Amino acid sequence: MNLKLPGYHKVYITWIPALPNESLTQYAGRIKSQITVENPYFIGLSFGGIIAVEVSKQIRVEKMVLISSVRTKSELNKLQFFFMKLGLYRIIPGPLIKRANFLSYRYFGAKSPNDKKALTKLLQDTDVTFFRWALKGIAYWDNKEVPERTIQIHGTADRVIISRLVHPDYRIKGGGHLMILNRADTISKIIRNYFRD
């Protein structure tokens, strides 16, 4: 909501409930029905970027922007993969997932009162069942194909998707995983220039 993209009609994709044992590819196949125009421009944030990559394999996308996200499996932390494959996310109590604290603030890079408020709201609204399904889906995501017509914008201080593993087109110095909130002007300018090219 903080991105300033005058001249473009923003359509927000609504998350739909995941089916048991559904892969990210299968989920993308169902969620793509919300896209009603040909050759859309995509912007994917965090996990939404991974789903955008999967959708872009199934329909033609004119241009795609990934923010605080990844293009391929190799850009994800192998240690995180290991713990996700062990299924440890299943034993984290739901109330703990939905509660913000100093650790989650640090992990997501929420420093200002506004960032902390936004993260607190985001976590409170988290669907725990969907969250656990998403972690399982990421653990078994196997995409090795770099999507075409795509740029990647990543923060150098991102702790969720570690910056050194990612090879973005644009690095935002000091940007954390929530830089979409506090670096929106810089990100908006990059996107506008890319869409105009």
Protein backbone atom coordinates (compact mmCIF):
# COMPACT_ATOMS: atom_id res chain seq x y z
CA MET A 1 0.00 0.00 0.00
CA ASN A 2 3.00 2.32 0.39
CA LEU A 3 4.17 1.92 -3.20
CA LYS A 4 3.52 4.94 -5.40
CA LEU A 5 2.83 3.75 -8.95
CA PRO A 6 0.77 6.45 -10.70
CA GLY A 7 -0.76 5.34 -13.98
CA TYR A 8 -1.01 1.70 -12.93
CA HIS A 9 -4.13 0.02 -11.60
CA LYS A 10 -3.10 -2.06 -8.59
CA VAL A 11 -5.01 -5.29 -8.05
CA TYR A 12 -4.30 -7.17 -4.83
CA ILE A 13 -4.32 -10.94 -5.01
CA THR A 14 -6.28 -12.49 -2.15
CA TRP A 15 -4.71 -15.43 -0.37
CA ILE A 16 -6.97 -18.47 -0.56
CA PRO A 17 -6.92 -21.40 1.88
CA ALA A 18 -4.37 -24.04 0.93
CA LEU A 19 -5.44 -27.64 0.47
CA PRO A 20 -3.77 -30.34 2.59
CA ASN A 21 -0.51 -31.54 0.98
CA GLU A 22 -0.90 -29.03 -1.86
CA SER A 23 2.38 -27.98 -3.47
CA LEU A 24 3.25 -24.35 -4.20
CA THR A 25 2.87 -25.10 -7.92
CA GLN A 26 -0.63 -26.50 -7.39
CA TYR A 27 -1.57 -23.56 -5.19
CA ALA A 28 -0.32 -21.12 -7.86
CA GLY A 29 -2.51 -22.93 -10.38
CA ARG A 30 -5.58 -22.14 -8.30
CA ILE A 31 -4.70 -18.59 -7.29
CA LYS A 32 -3.95 -17.52 -10.88
CA SER A 33 -7.72 -17.50 -11.58
CA GLN A 34 -7.76 -14.06 -9.91
CA ILE A 35 -5.66 -12.66 -12.76
CA THR A 36 -8.10 -11.43 -15.38
CA VAL A 37 -5.85 -9.49 -17.77
CA GLU A 38 -3.36 -10.71 -20.34
CA ASN A 39 0.37 -10.12 -19.85
CA PRO A 40 0.08 -8.60 -16.36
CA TYR A 41 2.81 -6.82 -14.43
CA PHE A 42 3.54 -8.69 -11.19
CA ILE A 43 4.92 -7.48 -7.89
CA GLY A 44 5.63 -10.24 -5.36
CA LEU A 45 6.65 -9.61 -1.77
CA SER A 46 8.38 -12.21 0.43
CA PHE A 47 6.41 -15.50 0.21
CA GLY A 48 4.16 -13.78 -2.33
CA GLY A 49 7.22 -13.50 -4.57
CA ILE A 50 7.71 -17.26 -4.50
CA ILE A 51 4.07 -17.77 -5.47
CA ALA A 52 4.48 -15.12 -8.21
CA VAL A 53 7.41 -17.10 -9.62
CA GLU A 54 5.24 -20.22 -9.73
CA VAL A 55 2.33 -18.36 -11.37
CA SER A 56 4.71 -16.87 -13.96
CA LYS A 57 5.47 -20.42 -15.15
CA GLN A 58 1.78 -20.94 -15.90
CA ILE A 59 0.80 -17.65 -17.56
CA ARG A 60 2.76 -15.08 -19.51
CA VAL A 61 3.85 -12.17 -17.34
CA GLU A 62 4.98 -8.97 -19.04
CA LYS A 63 7.27 -7.90 -16.19
CA MET A 64 7.77 -9.07 -12.63
CA VAL A 65 9.30 -7.47 -9.55
CA LEU A 66 10.35 -9.53 -6.53
CA ILE A 67 10.82 -7.61 -3.29
CA SER A 68 12.46 -9.25 -0.26
CA SER A 69 11.99 -12.56 -2.05
CA VAL A 70 13.82 -15.11 -4.19
CA ARG A 71 13.93 -16.36 -7.75
CA THR A 72 15.18 -19.88 -7.09
CA LYS A 73 15.64 -22.39 -4.29
CA SER A 74 19.41 -21.77 -4.21
CA GLU A 75 18.82 -18.27 -2.80
CA LEU A 76 17.24 -19.69 0.34
CA ASN A 77 19.16 -20.57 3.48
CA LYS A 78 20.01 -24.30 3.59
CA LEU A 79 19.85 -24.30 7.40
CA GLN A 80 16.30 -22.93 7.26
CA PHE A 81 15.44 -25.66 4.72
CA PHE A 82 16.82 -28.28 7.09
CA PHE A 83 14.71 -27.12 10.04
CA MET A 84 11.60 -26.76 7.86
CA LYS A 85 12.03 -30.27 6.46
CA LEU A 86 12.27 -31.57 10.01
CA GLY A 87 8.82 -30.06 10.50
CA LEU A 88 9.79 -28.09 13.60
CA TYR A 89 7.32 -25.37 12.59
CA ARG A 90 4.55 -27.79 13.63
CA ILE A 91 5.53 -27.65 17.30
CA ILE A 92 5.58 -23.85 17.59
CA PRO A 93 2.42 -22.88 19.48
CA GLY A 94 -0.02 -20.82 17.40
CA PRO A 95 -0.17 -17.95 19.94
CA LEU A 96 3.63 -17.65 19.76
CA ILE A 97 3.53 -17.33 15.96
CA LYS A 98 0.97 -14.53 16.25
CA ARG A 99 2.78 -12.52 18.93
CA ALA A 100 5.35 -9.82 18.19
CA ASN A 101 8.31 -9.35 20.52
CA PHE A 102 11.85 -7.94 20.45
CA LEU A 103 13.12 -11.05 18.61
CA SER A 104 10.53 -10.81 15.82
CA TYR A 105 11.17 -7.05 15.55
CA ARG A 106 14.88 -7.73 15.10
CA TYR A 107 14.35 -10.67 12.72
CA PHE A 108 12.05 -8.70 10.42
CA GLY A 109 13.98 -5.44 10.74
CA ALA A 110 11.17 -3.49 12.42
CA LYS A 111 12.84 -0.51 14.11
CA SER A 112 10.47 2.44 14.07
CA PRO A 113 7.19 2.53 16.04
CA ASN A 114 5.28 2.42 12.73
CA ASP A 115 7.20 -0.66 11.55
CA LYS A 116 6.63 -2.41 14.89
CA LYS A 117 2.93 -1.57 14.77
CA ALA A 118 2.65 -2.93 11.21
CA LEU A 119 4.49 -6.15 12.10
CA THR A 120 2.38 -6.64 15.22
CA LYS A 121 -0.79 -6.33 13.11
CA LEU A 122 0.62 -8.65 10.43
CA LEU A 123 1.43 -11.35 12.97
CA GLN A 124 -1.90 -10.98 14.76
CA ASP A 125 -3.69 -11.52 11.45
CA THR A 126 -1.59 -14.56 10.52
CA ASP A 127 -3.52 -17.70 9.68
CA VAL A 128 -1.46 -20.28 11.58
CA THR A 129 -2.63 -23.21 9.42
CA PHE A 130 -1.67 -21.33 6.24
CA PHE A 131 1.64 -20.24 7.80
CA ARG A 132 2.58 -23.84 8.57
CA TRP A 133 1.52 -24.98 5.09
CA ALA A 134 3.64 -22.20 3.52
CA LEU A 135 6.74 -23.25 5.47
CA LYS A 136 6.25 -26.85 4.41
CA GLY A 137 5.75 -25.71 0.80
CA ILE A 138 8.96 -23.67 0.86
CA ALA A 139 10.87 -26.63 2.36
CA TYR A 140 9.93 -28.75 -0.68
CA TRP A 141 10.05 -25.95 -3.28
CA ASP A 142 12.53 -27.00 -5.94
CA ASN A 143 12.55 -24.17 -8.47
CA LYS A 144 15.88 -23.85 -10.27
CA GLU A 145 14.56 -21.84 -13.22
CA VAL A 146 15.27 -18.10 -13.13
CA PRO A 147 12.10 -16.31 -14.33
CA GLU A 148 12.40 -14.08 -17.40
CA ARG A 149 11.61 -10.34 -17.46
CA THR A 150 12.10 -10.14 -13.70
CA ILE A 151 14.00 -7.81 -11.39
CA GLN A 152 14.77 -8.47 -7.76
CA ILE A 153 15.02 -5.80 -5.05
CA HIS A 154 16.56 -6.86 -1.75
CA GLY A 155 17.73 -5.25 1.46
CA THR A 156 21.30 -5.68 2.67
CA ALA A 157 20.04 -6.19 6.25
CA ASP A 158 17.36 -8.79 5.45
CA ARG A 159 17.57 -11.57 8.06
CA VAL A 160 14.57 -13.59 6.84
CA ILE A 161 16.00 -14.14 3.36
CA ILE A 162 19.70 -13.62 3.94
CA SER A 163 21.11 -10.96 1.67
CA ARG A 164 24.42 -12.66 0.89
CA LEU A 165 22.62 -15.64 -0.70
CA VAL A 166 20.60 -13.44 -3.04
CA HIS A 167 21.90 -11.81 -6.23
CA PRO A 168 19.41 -8.98 -6.75
CA ASP A 169 19.36 -6.35 -9.44
CA TYR A 170 19.00 -3.68 -6.76
CA ARG A 171 20.31 -3.71 -3.20
CA ILE A 172 18.75 -1.35 -0.68
CA LYS A 173 21.44 -0.48 1.87
CA GLY A 174 20.25 -1.20 5.40
CA GLY A 175 16.91 -2.49 4.15
CA GLY A 176 15.36 -5.27 6.24
CA HIS A 177 12.64 -7.73 5.32
CA LEU A 178 10.02 -5.02 5.94
CA MET A 179 11.73 -2.38 3.81
CA ILE A 180 8.54 -2.16 1.73
CA LEU A 181 7.23 -0.06 4.64
CA ASN A 182 10.16 2.26 5.28
CA ARG A 183 11.92 2.34 1.89
CA ALA A 184 8.79 2.48 -0.25
CA ASP A 185 9.81 5.69 -2.07
CA THR A 186 13.12 4.20 -3.23
CA ILE A 187 11.47 0.91 -4.22
CA SER A 188 8.65 2.73 -6.03
CA LYS A 189 11.16 4.69 -8.13
CA ILE A 190 12.99 1.49 -9.14
CA ILE A 191 9.70 -0.17 -10.14
CA ARG A 192 8.45 2.86 -12.11
CA ASN A 193 11.72 3.02 -14.08
CA TYR A 194 11.60 -0.72 -14.79
CA PHE A 195 7.96 -0.67 -15.91
CA ARG A 196 8.67 2.26 -18.26
CA ASP A 197 11.63 0.54 -19.98
